[in-house]
Amino acid sequence: MRPRLHLETTIKSYLVARPSRDLILAGQQEATREWWDEKRQNYDLFVSEFVEIEAGCGDAMERG
C-alpha cells in the first residue's frame, strides 16, 4: 500500500504556470516538476475541495 499524500494548491500552480523569471521561484517550479515526473507514482495523491476551489479561481495577476 502506497502512502497517501495530500497536495496543496502550490503544487498544482507550479505544474501549470509559465516558468518564472525569479530564480528562486523558477527553482521551486522545476523541483516540483521533477518530483511530479519522478516520484508521484509512489503515492496515492489527493487534494481537498478547498484546493480545487482555490486553484479554480486562477491567478489574480493573470486576471488583471
PDB file of N, CA and C in Angstrom:
ATOM      1  N   MET A   1       0.848  -1.185   0.000  1.00  0.00           N
ATOM      2  CA  MET A   1       0.000   0.000   0.000  1.00  0.00           C
ATOM      3  C   MET A   1       0.892   1.247   0.000  1.00  0.00           C
ATOM      4  N   ARG A   2       0.587   2.138  -0.917  1.00  0.00           N
ATOM      5  CA  ARG A   2       1.373   3.364  -1.014  1.00  0.00           C
ATOM      6  C   ARG A   2       0.897   4.379   0.027  1.00  0.00           C
ATOM      7  N   PRO A   3       1.809   5.249   0.481  1.00  0.00           N
ATOM      8  CA  PRO A   3       1.405   6.306   1.406  1.00  0.00           C
ATOM      9  C   PRO A   3       0.487   7.301   0.702  1.00  0.00           C
ATOM     10  N   ARG A   4      -0.424   7.868   1.472  1.00  0.00           N
ATOM     11  CA  ARG A   4      -1.325   8.904   0.957  1.00  0.00           C
ATOM     12  C   ARG A   4      -0.651  10.248   1.109  1.00  0.00           C
ATOM     13  N   LEU A   5      -0.826  11.079   0.117  1.00  0.00           N
ATOM     14  CA  LEU A   5      -0.223  12.398   0.150  1.00  0.00           C
ATOM     15  C   LEU A   5      -1.265  13.411  -0.302  1.00  0.00           C
ATOM     16  N   HIS A   6      -1.536  14.364   0.563  1.00  0.00           N
ATOM     17  CA  HIS A   6      -2.486  15.427   0.244  1.00  0.00           C
ATOM     18  C   HIS A   6      -1.712  16.615  -0.308  1.00  0.00           C
ATOM     19  N   LEU A   7      -2.063  17.030  -1.519  1.00  0.00           N
ATOM     20  CA  LEU A   7      -1.375  18.136  -2.174  1.00  0.00           C
ATOM     21  C   LEU A   7      -2.085  19.450  -1.879  1.00  0.00           C
ATOM     22  N   GLU A   8      -1.306  20.505  -1.747  1.00  0.00           N
ATOM     23  CA  GLU A   8      -1.899  21.823  -1.571  1.00  0.00           C
ATOM     24  C   GLU A   8      -1.800  22.589  -2.884  1.00  0.00           C
ATOM     25  N   THR A   9      -2.385  23.752  -2.934  1.00  0.00           N
ATOM     26  CA  THR A   9      -2.571  24.492  -4.179  1.00  0.00           C
ATOM     27  C   THR A   9      -1.260  24.819  -4.886  1.00  0.00           C
ATOM     28  N   THR A  10      -0.207  25.083  -4.149  1.00  0.00           N
ATOM     29  CA  THR A  10       1.064  25.474  -4.765  1.00  0.00           C
ATOM     30  C   THR A  10       1.562  24.413  -5.739  1.00  0.00           C
ATOM     31  N   ILE A  11       1.393  23.151  -5.395  1.00  0.00           N
ATOM     32  CA  ILE A  11       1.871  22.081  -6.283  1.00  0.00           C
ATOM     33  C   ILE A  11       1.184  22.178  -7.639  1.00  0.00           C
ATOM     34  N   LYS A  12      -0.123  22.284  -7.616  1.00  0.00           N
ATOM     35  CA  LYS A  12      -0.863  22.396  -8.878  1.00  0.00           C
ATOM     36  C   LYS A  12      -0.457  23.644  -9.649  1.00  0.00           C
ATOM     37  N   SER A  13      -0.313  24.756  -8.952  1.00  0.00           N
ATOM     38  CA  SER A  13       0.008  26.004  -9.649  1.00  0.00           C
ATOM     39  C   SER A  13       1.411  25.964 -10.242  1.00  0.00           C
ATOM     40  N   TYR A  14       2.378  25.374  -9.541  1.00  0.00           N
ATOM     41  CA  TYR A  14       3.736  25.280 -10.076  1.00  0.00           C
ATOM     42  C   TYR A  14       3.777  24.402 -11.327  1.00  0.00           C
ATOM     43  N   LEU A  15       2.920  23.403 -11.383  1.00  0.00           N
ATOM     44  CA  LEU A  15       2.922  22.496 -12.529  1.00  0.00           C
ATOM     45  C   LEU A  15       2.367  23.136 -13.792  1.00  0.00           C
ATOM     46  N   VAL A  16       1.457  24.070 -13.663  1.00  0.00           N
ATOM     47  CA  VAL A  16       0.812  24.649 -14.847  1.00  0.00           C
ATOM     48  C   VAL A  16       1.296  26.054 -15.193  1.00  0.00           C
ATOM     49  N   ALA A  17       2.050  26.677 -14.310  1.00  0.00           N
ATOM     50  CA  ALA A  17       2.489  28.065 -14.524  1.00  0.00           C
ATOM     51  C   ALA A  17       3.607  28.149 -15.558  1.00  0.00           C
ATOM     52  N   ARG A  18       3.673  29.290 -16.200  1.00  0.00           N
ATOM     53  CA  ARG A  18       4.833  29.586 -17.048  1.00  0.00           C
ATOM     54  C   ARG A  18       6.055  29.687 -16.143  1.00  0.00           C
ATOM     55  N   PRO A  19       7.220  29.312 -16.646  1.00  0.00           N
ATOM     56  CA  PRO A  19       8.425  29.437 -15.813  1.00  0.00           C
ATOM     57  C   PRO A  19       8.630  30.887 -15.360  1.00  0.00           C
ATOM     58  N   SER A  20       8.925  31.036 -14.097  1.00  0.00           N
ATOM     59  CA  SER A  20       9.122  32.358 -13.512  1.00  0.00           C
ATOM     60  C   SER A  20      10.493  32.918 -13.880  1.00  0.00           C
ATOM     61  N   ARG A  21      10.570  34.250 -13.926  1.00  0.00           N
ATOM     62  CA  ARG A  21      11.865  34.908 -14.110  1.00  0.00           C
ATOM     63  C   ARG A  21      12.618  34.991 -12.786  1.00  0.00           C
ATOM     64  N   ASP A  22      11.890  34.903 -11.686  1.00  0.00           N
ATOM     65  CA  ASP A  22      12.502  34.907 -10.353  1.00  0.00           C
ATOM     66  C   ASP A  22      13.236  33.581 -10.173  1.00  0.00           C
ATOM     67  N   LEU A  23      14.531  33.635  -9.926  1.00  0.00           N
ATOM     68  CA  LEU A  23      15.341  32.418  -9.875  1.00  0.00           C
ATOM     69  C   LEU A  23      14.905  31.449  -8.783  1.00  0.00           C
ATOM     70  N   ILE A  24      14.528  31.962  -7.632  1.00  0.00           N
ATOM     71  CA  ILE A  24      14.094  31.082  -6.537  1.00  0.00           C
ATOM     72  C   ILE A  24      12.794  30.399  -6.910  1.00  0.00           C
ATOM     73  N   LEU A  25      11.830  31.171  -7.393  1.00  0.00           N
ATOM     74  CA  LEU A  25      10.542  30.600  -7.791  1.00  0.00           C
ATOM     75  C   LEU A  25      10.714  29.628  -8.954  1.00  0.00           C
ATOM     76  N   ALA A  26      11.557  29.973  -9.910  1.00  0.00           N
ATOM     77  CA  ALA A  26      11.816  29.072 -11.041  1.00  0.00           C
ATOM     78  C   ALA A  26      12.413  27.749 -10.554  1.00  0.00           C
ATOM     79  N   GLY A  27      13.297  27.826  -9.570  1.00  0.00           N
ATOM     80  CA  GLY A  27      13.870  26.613  -8.987  1.00  0.00           C
ATOM     81  C   GLY A  27      12.825  25.769  -8.290  1.00  0.00           C
ATOM     82  N   GLN A  28      11.905  26.422  -7.589  1.00  0.00           N
ATOM     83  CA  GLN A  28      10.825  25.694  -6.923  1.00  0.00           C
ATOM     84  C   GLN A  28       9.899  25.039  -7.946  1.00  0.00           C
ATOM     85  N   GLN A  29       9.611  25.762  -9.024  1.00  0.00           N
ATOM     86  CA  GLN A  29       8.780  25.185 -10.084  1.00  0.00           C
ATOM     87  C   GLN A  29       9.463  23.958 -10.692  1.00  0.00           C
ATOM     88  N   GLU A  30      10.745  24.075 -10.987  1.00  0.00           N
ATOM     89  CA  GLU A  30      11.472  22.957 -11.588  1.00  0.00           C
ATOM     90  C   GLU A  30      11.539  21.766 -10.642  1.00  0.00           C
ATOM     91  N   ALA A  31      11.812  22.009  -9.361  1.00  0.00           N
ATOM     92  CA  ALA A  31      11.855  20.917  -8.386  1.00  0.00           C
ATOM     93  C   ALA A  31      10.496  20.229  -8.290  1.00  0.00           C
ATOM     94  N   THR A  32       9.426  21.008  -8.357  1.00  0.00           N
ATOM     95  CA  THR A  32       8.078  20.442  -8.310  1.00  0.00           C
ATOM     96  C   THR A  32       7.822  19.588  -9.542  1.00  0.00           C
ATOM     97  N   ARG A  33       8.214  20.075 -10.714  1.00  0.00           N
ATOM     98  CA  ARG A  33       8.022  19.291 -11.944  1.00  0.00           C
ATOM     99  C   ARG A  33       8.831  17.993 -11.911  1.00  0.00           C
ATOM    100  N   GLU A  34      10.051  18.067 -11.414  1.00  0.00           N
ATOM    101  CA  GLU A  34      10.876  16.865 -11.311  1.00  0.00           C
ATOM    102  C   GLU A  34      10.243  15.854 -10.363  1.00  0.00           C
ATOM    103  N   TRP A  35       9.772  16.331  -9.205  1.00  0.00           N
ATOM    104  CA  TRP A  35       9.107  15.442  -8.252  1.00  0.00           C
ATOM    105  C   TRP A  35       7.888  14.803  -8.910  1.00  0.00           C
ATOM    106  N   TRP A  36       7.102  15.611  -9.607  1.00  0.00           N
ATOM    107  CA  TRP A  36       5.884  15.124 -10.260  1.00  0.00           C
ATOM    108  C   TRP A  36       6.214  14.027 -11.270  1.00  0.00           C
ATOM    109  N   ASP A  37       7.246  14.246 -12.059  1.00  0.00           N
ATOM    110  CA  ASP A  37       7.625  13.275 -13.080  1.00  0.00           C
ATOM    111  C   ASP A  37       8.235  12.007 -12.503  1.00  0.00           C
ATOM    112  N   GLU A  38       8.985  12.141 -11.413  1.00  0.00           N
ATOM    113  CA  GLU A  38       9.784  11.021 -10.919  1.00  0.00           C
ATOM    114  C   GLU A  38       9.246  10.328  -9.671  1.00  0.00           C
ATOM    115  N   LYS A  39       8.465  11.015  -8.845  1.00  0.00           N
ATOM    116  CA  LYS A  39       8.107  10.466  -7.536  1.00  0.00           C
ATOM    117  C   LYS A  39       6.609  10.288  -7.288  1.00  0.00           C
ATOM    118  N   ARG A  40       5.757  11.004  -8.029  1.00  0.00           N
ATOM    119  CA  ARG A  40       4.329  10.989  -7.689  1.00  0.00           C
ATOM    120  C   ARG A  40       3.723   9.597  -7.730  1.00  0.00           C
ATOM    121  N   GLN A  41       4.258   8.731  -8.593  1.00  0.00           N
ATOM    122  CA  GLN A  41       3.703   7.383  -8.695  1.00  0.00           C
ATOM    123  C   GLN A  41       3.926   6.565  -7.428  1.00  0.00           C
ATOM    124  N   ASN A  42       4.751   7.052  -6.521  1.00  0.00           N
ATOM    125  CA  ASN A  42       4.999   6.358  -5.254  1.00  0.00           C
ATOM    126  C   ASN A  42       3.923   6.631  -4.202  1.00  0.00           C
ATOM    127  N   TYR A  43       2.960   7.490  -4.518  1.00  0.00           N
ATOM    128  CA  TYR A  43       1.962   7.937  -3.550  1.00  0.00           C
ATOM    129  C   TYR A  43       0.556   7.845  -4.137  1.00  0.00           C
ATOM    130  N   ASP A  44      -0.415   7.727  -3.266  1.00  0.00           N
ATOM    131  CA  ASP A  44      -1.817   7.942  -3.622  1.00  0.00           C
ATOM    132  C   ASP A  44      -2.082   9.417  -3.350  1.00  0.00           C
ATOM    133  N   LEU A  45      -2.315  10.191  -4.397  1.00  0.00           N
ATOM    134  CA  LEU A  45      -2.427  11.644  -4.281  1.00  0.00           C
ATOM    135  C   LEU A  45      -3.877  12.085  -4.118  1.00  0.00           C
ATOM    136  N   PHE A  46      -4.077  13.084  -3.279  1.00  0.00           N
ATOM    137  CA  PHE A  46      -5.390  13.642  -3.014  1.00  0.00           C
ATOM    138  C   PHE A  46      -5.281  15.154  -2.889  1.00  0.00           C
ATOM    139  N   VAL A  47      -6.364  15.844  -3.232  1.00  0.00           N
ATOM    140  CA  VAL A  47      -6.497  17.266  -2.951  1.00  0.00           C
ATOM    141  C   VAL A  47      -7.856  17.472  -2.308  1.00  0.00           C
ATOM    142  N   SER A  48      -7.939  18.475  -1.453  1.00  0.00           N
ATOM    143  CA  SER A  48      -9.211  18.766  -0.808  1.00  0.00           C
ATOM    144  C   SER A  48     -10.088  19.587  -1.746  1.00  0.00           C
ATOM    145  N   GLU A  49     -11.360  19.668  -1.425  1.00  0.00           N
ATOM    146  CA  GLU A  49     -12.257  20.500  -2.235  1.00  0.00           C
ATOM    147  C   GLU A  49     -11.841  21.968  -2.148  1.00  0.00           C
ATOM    148  N   PHE A  50     -11.215  22.364  -1.049  1.00  0.00           N
ATOM    149  CA  PHE A  50     -10.762  23.747  -0.898  1.00  0.00           C
ATOM    150  C   PHE A  50      -9.614  24.064  -1.852  1.00  0.00           C
ATOM    151  N   VAL A  51      -8.737  23.088  -2.066  1.00  0.00           N
ATOM    152  CA  VAL A  51      -7.653  23.259  -3.030  1.00  0.00           C
ATOM    153  C   VAL A  51      -8.242  23.402  -4.430  1.00  0.00           C
ATOM    154  N   GLU A  52      -9.221  22.576  -4.758  1.00  0.00           N
ATOM    155  CA  GLU A  52      -9.863  22.662  -6.074  1.00  0.00           C
ATOM    156  C   GLU A  52     -10.510  24.038  -6.272  1.00  0.00           C
ATOM    157  N   ILE A  53     -11.179  24.530  -5.255  1.00  0.00           N
ATOM    158  CA  ILE A  53     -11.832  25.845  -5.342  1.00  0.00           C
ATOM    159  C   ILE A  53     -10.778  26.932  -5.518  1.00  0.00           C
ATOM    160  N   GLU A  54      -9.735  26.894  -4.676  1.00  0.00           N
ATOM    161  CA  GLU A  54      -8.702  27.907  -4.751  1.00  0.00           C
ATOM    162  C   GLU A  54      -7.999  27.873  -6.112  1.00  0.00           C
ATOM    163  N   ALA A  55      -7.672  26.688  -6.591  1.00  0.00           N
ATOM    164  CA  ALA A  55      -6.992  26.565  -7.886  1.00  0.00           C
ATOM    165  C   ALA A  55      -7.912  27.023  -9.020  1.00  0.00           C
ATOM    166  N   GLY A  56      -9.198  26.798  -8.873  1.00  0.00           N
ATOM    167  CA  GLY A  56     -10.156  27.207  -9.885  1.00  0.00           C
ATOM    168  C   GLY A  56     -10.331  28.702 -10.003  1.00  0.00           C
ATOM    169  N   CYS A  57      -9.916  29.428  -8.983  1.00  0.00           N
ATOM    170  CA  CYS A  57     -10.027  30.892  -9.014  1.00  0.00           C
ATOM    171  C   CYS A  57      -8.963  31.522  -9.896  1.00  0.00           C
ATOM    172  N   GLY A  58      -7.894  30.797 -10.180  1.00  0.00           N
ATOM    173  CA  GLY A  58      -6.838  31.321 -11.024  1.00  0.00           C
ATOM    174  C   GLY A  58      -5.931  32.282 -10.282  1.00  0.00           C
ATOM    175  N   ASP A  59      -5.114  32.962 -11.042  1.00  0.00           N
ATOM    176  CA  ASP A  59      -4.122  33.894 -10.510  1.00  0.00           C
ATOM    177  C   ASP A  59      -4.659  35.316 -10.701  1.00  0.00           C
ATOM    178  N   ALA A  60      -4.765  36.044  -9.617  1.00  0.00           N
ATOM    179  CA  ALA A  60      -5.287  37.417  -9.682  1.00  0.00           C
ATOM    180  C   ALA A  60      -4.451  38.288 -10.610  1.00  0.00           C
ATOM    181  N   MET A  61      -3.156  38.049 -10.677  1.00  0.00           N
ATOM    182  CA  MET A  61      -2.278  38.829 -11.555  1.00  0.00           C
ATOM    183  C   MET A  61      -2.608  38.553 -13.026  1.00  0.00           C
ATOM    184  N   GLU A  62      -3.005  37.344 -13.348  1.00  0.00           N
ATOM    185  CA  GLU A  62      -3.356  36.995 -14.720  1.00  0.00           C
ATOM    186  C   GLU A  62      -4.705  37.559 -15.101  1.00  0.00           C
ATOM    187  N   ARG A  63      -5.627  37.680 -14.142  1.00  0.00           N
ATOM    188  CA  ARG A  63      -6.984  38.160 -14.424  1.00  0.00           C
ATOM    189  C   ARG A  63      -7.023  39.658 -14.602  1.00  0.00           C
ATOM    190  N   GLY A  64      -6.040  40.353 -14.042  1.00  0.00           N
ATOM    191  CA  GLY A  64      -5.999  41.811 -14.176  1.00  0.00           C
ATOM    192  C   GLY A  64      -6.705  42.417 -13.079  1.00  0.00           C
TER     193      GLY A  64
END
